[in-house]
N, C-alpha and C. Protein backbone atom coordinates (compact mmCIF):
# COMPACT_ATOMS: atom_id res chain seq x y z
N MET A 1 3.79 -1.97 -0.99
CA MET A 1 4.47 -3.05 -0.32
C MET A 1 3.83 -3.27 1.04
N TYR A 2 3.79 -4.51 1.43
CA TYR A 2 3.16 -4.88 2.68
C TYR A 2 4.07 -5.79 3.49
N SER A 3 3.90 -5.72 4.78
CA SER A 3 4.60 -6.62 5.69
C SER A 3 3.56 -7.55 6.29
N ARG A 4 3.74 -8.84 6.06
CA ARG A 4 2.80 -9.82 6.59
C ARG A 4 3.45 -10.60 7.72
N THR A 5 2.66 -10.87 8.73
CA THR A 5 3.11 -11.74 9.81
C THR A 5 2.04 -12.78 10.04
N GLN A 6 2.48 -13.95 10.50
CA GLN A 6 1.53 -15.00 10.82
C GLN A 6 1.49 -15.18 12.33
N ASN A 7 0.30 -15.21 12.86
CA ASN A 7 0.10 -15.37 14.29
C ASN A 7 0.24 -16.84 14.70
N GLU A 8 0.38 -17.07 15.98
CA GLU A 8 0.52 -18.43 16.49
C GLU A 8 -0.67 -19.32 16.12
N ASN A 9 -1.85 -18.71 15.99
CA ASN A 9 -3.05 -19.50 15.66
C ASN A 9 -3.23 -19.70 14.15
N GLY A 10 -2.26 -19.26 13.36
CA GLY A 10 -2.29 -19.47 11.92
C GLY A 10 -2.91 -18.34 11.12
N THR A 11 -3.49 -17.33 11.79
CA THR A 11 -4.06 -16.20 11.06
C THR A 11 -2.95 -15.22 10.68
N TYR A 12 -3.29 -14.26 9.83
CA TYR A 12 -2.31 -13.32 9.30
C TYR A 12 -2.66 -11.88 9.67
N ASN A 13 -1.62 -11.07 9.77
CA ASN A 13 -1.73 -9.62 9.88
C ASN A 13 -0.96 -9.04 8.71
N THR A 14 -1.38 -7.89 8.24
CA THR A 14 -0.65 -7.22 7.17
C THR A 14 -0.64 -5.72 7.42
N ARG A 15 0.49 -5.11 7.12
CA ARG A 15 0.68 -3.68 7.34
C ARG A 15 1.27 -3.06 6.08
N CYS A 16 0.76 -1.88 5.72
CA CYS A 16 1.28 -1.13 4.58
C CYS A 16 2.61 -0.51 4.99
N LEU A 17 3.65 -0.74 4.20
CA LEU A 17 4.96 -0.20 4.52
C LEU A 17 5.14 1.25 4.07
N ASP A 18 4.17 1.79 3.33
CA ASP A 18 4.22 3.19 2.94
C ASP A 18 3.65 4.09 4.03
N CYS A 19 2.49 3.74 4.55
CA CYS A 19 1.83 4.59 5.56
C CYS A 19 1.82 3.96 6.95
N MET A 20 2.33 2.74 7.06
CA MET A 20 2.42 2.00 8.32
C MET A 20 1.05 1.66 8.93
N MET A 21 0.01 1.74 8.14
CA MET A 21 -1.32 1.39 8.62
C MET A 21 -1.50 -0.12 8.63
N THR A 22 -2.13 -0.64 9.68
CA THR A 22 -2.50 -2.05 9.71
C THR A 22 -3.69 -2.21 8.78
N VAL A 23 -3.49 -2.97 7.72
CA VAL A 23 -4.53 -3.16 6.71
C VAL A 23 -5.51 -4.22 7.17
N ALA A 24 -5.01 -5.26 7.82
CA ALA A 24 -5.87 -6.33 8.30
C ALA A 24 -5.17 -7.09 9.41
N SER A 25 -5.96 -7.64 10.30
CA SER A 25 -5.39 -8.48 11.36
C SER A 25 -6.31 -9.68 11.59
N SER A 26 -5.69 -10.75 12.00
CA SER A 26 -6.39 -12.02 12.29
C SER A 26 -7.16 -12.55 11.09
N ILE A 27 -6.58 -12.45 9.90
CA ILE A 27 -7.20 -12.95 8.67
C ILE A 27 -6.79 -14.40 8.48
N GLU A 28 -7.73 -15.24 8.09
CA GLU A 28 -7.48 -16.68 8.08
C GLU A 28 -6.74 -17.20 6.86
N THR A 29 -6.89 -16.59 5.70
CA THR A 29 -6.24 -17.12 4.50
C THR A 29 -5.40 -16.05 3.81
N GLU A 30 -4.38 -16.50 3.11
CA GLU A 30 -3.55 -15.57 2.34
C GLU A 30 -4.34 -14.92 1.21
N ASP A 31 -5.31 -15.65 0.65
CA ASP A 31 -6.15 -15.06 -0.40
C ASP A 31 -6.93 -13.87 0.14
N ASP A 32 -7.45 -13.98 1.36
CA ASP A 32 -8.18 -12.87 1.97
C ASP A 32 -7.25 -11.70 2.25
N VAL A 33 -6.02 -12.00 2.66
CA VAL A 33 -5.03 -10.95 2.91
C VAL A 33 -4.75 -10.19 1.62
N GLU A 34 -4.53 -10.92 0.53
CA GLU A 34 -4.26 -10.29 -0.76
C GLU A 34 -5.43 -9.44 -1.22
N ARG A 35 -6.65 -9.92 -1.00
CA ARG A 35 -7.85 -9.17 -1.38
C ARG A 35 -7.92 -7.86 -0.59
N LEU A 36 -7.66 -7.92 0.70
CA LEU A 36 -7.71 -6.72 1.53
C LEU A 36 -6.58 -5.75 1.19
N GLU A 37 -5.40 -6.27 0.90
CA GLU A 37 -4.30 -5.41 0.49
C GLU A 37 -4.63 -4.68 -0.81
N SER A 38 -5.27 -5.36 -1.74
CA SER A 38 -5.59 -4.74 -3.03
C SER A 38 -6.63 -3.63 -2.87
N ARG A 39 -7.40 -3.66 -1.81
CA ARG A 39 -8.42 -2.62 -1.56
C ARG A 39 -7.87 -1.43 -0.76
N HIS A 40 -6.68 -1.57 -0.22
CA HIS A 40 -6.11 -0.52 0.62
C HIS A 40 -5.83 0.73 -0.21
N MET A 41 -6.33 1.87 0.24
CA MET A 41 -6.10 3.15 -0.41
C MET A 41 -5.07 3.90 0.43
N CYS A 42 -3.81 3.78 0.06
CA CYS A 42 -2.72 4.35 0.84
C CYS A 42 -2.54 5.82 0.50
N PRO A 43 -2.72 6.72 1.47
CA PRO A 43 -2.56 8.14 1.20
C PRO A 43 -1.11 8.51 0.87
N GLU A 44 -0.15 7.84 1.47
CA GLU A 44 1.26 8.13 1.19
C GLU A 44 1.62 7.75 -0.25
N ARG A 45 1.16 6.60 -0.69
CA ARG A 45 1.45 6.16 -2.06
C ARG A 45 0.76 7.06 -3.07
N ALA A 46 -0.48 7.45 -2.78
CA ALA A 46 -1.22 8.34 -3.68
C ALA A 46 -0.52 9.69 -3.80
N LEU A 47 -0.04 10.21 -2.69
CA LEU A 47 0.68 11.49 -2.72
C LEU A 47 1.98 11.37 -3.52
N ALA A 48 2.71 10.29 -3.32
CA ALA A 48 3.96 10.10 -4.06
C ALA A 48 3.70 10.01 -5.56
N GLN A 49 2.64 9.31 -5.95
CA GLN A 49 2.30 9.20 -7.37
C GLN A 49 1.90 10.56 -7.94
N LEU A 50 1.14 11.33 -7.18
CA LEU A 50 0.73 12.66 -7.62
C LEU A 50 1.94 13.57 -7.81
N LEU A 51 2.87 13.55 -6.87
CA LEU A 51 4.07 14.38 -6.98
C LEU A 51 4.93 13.96 -8.17
N THR A 52 5.01 12.67 -8.44
CA THR A 52 5.76 12.19 -9.60
C THR A 52 5.15 12.70 -10.89
N LYS A 53 3.82 12.66 -10.98
CA LYS A 53 3.13 13.16 -12.18
C LYS A 53 3.34 14.66 -12.33
N GLU A 54 3.22 15.39 -11.21
CA GLU A 54 3.41 16.84 -11.26
C GLU A 54 4.82 17.20 -11.73
N THR A 55 5.80 16.47 -11.25
CA THR A 55 7.19 16.71 -11.64
C THR A 55 7.38 16.46 -13.12
N ALA A 56 6.77 15.39 -13.63
CA ALA A 56 6.89 15.07 -15.05
C ALA A 56 6.21 16.15 -15.90
N ILE A 57 5.07 16.64 -15.46
CA ILE A 57 4.36 17.69 -16.20
C ILE A 57 5.18 18.97 -16.21
N ALA A 58 5.76 19.32 -15.07
CA ALA A 58 6.58 20.54 -14.98
C ALA A 58 7.82 20.42 -15.87
N ALA A 59 8.44 19.25 -15.89
CA ALA A 59 9.63 19.04 -16.73
C ALA A 59 9.26 19.15 -18.20
N GLN A 60 8.11 18.59 -18.57
CA GLN A 60 7.65 18.67 -19.95
C GLN A 60 7.36 20.12 -20.35
N ALA A 61 6.77 20.88 -19.46
CA ALA A 61 6.46 22.28 -19.72
C ALA A 61 7.72 23.10 -19.93
N GLN A 62 8.77 22.80 -19.18
CA GLN A 62 10.03 23.53 -19.32
C GLN A 62 10.69 23.24 -20.66
N ARG A 63 10.52 22.04 -21.16
CA ARG A 63 11.12 21.66 -22.44
C ARG A 63 10.43 22.35 -23.61
N ASN A 64 9.17 22.70 -23.42
CA ASN A 64 8.40 23.31 -24.53
C ASN A 64 8.53 24.78 -24.56
């Protein structure tokens, strides 16, 4: 998830709501913002996904 703001000059800023990192600032088009957001490698989101997978694997192991 991202938080986008539009500056007075019409450009955009975007921030990752998971790690609070500014992904881009002063970007001119929403298409460019979306492209940059899709390239963002969020460490917080990656860690959460890894923990979810680990939990599922552990639960499966306990069932067997």
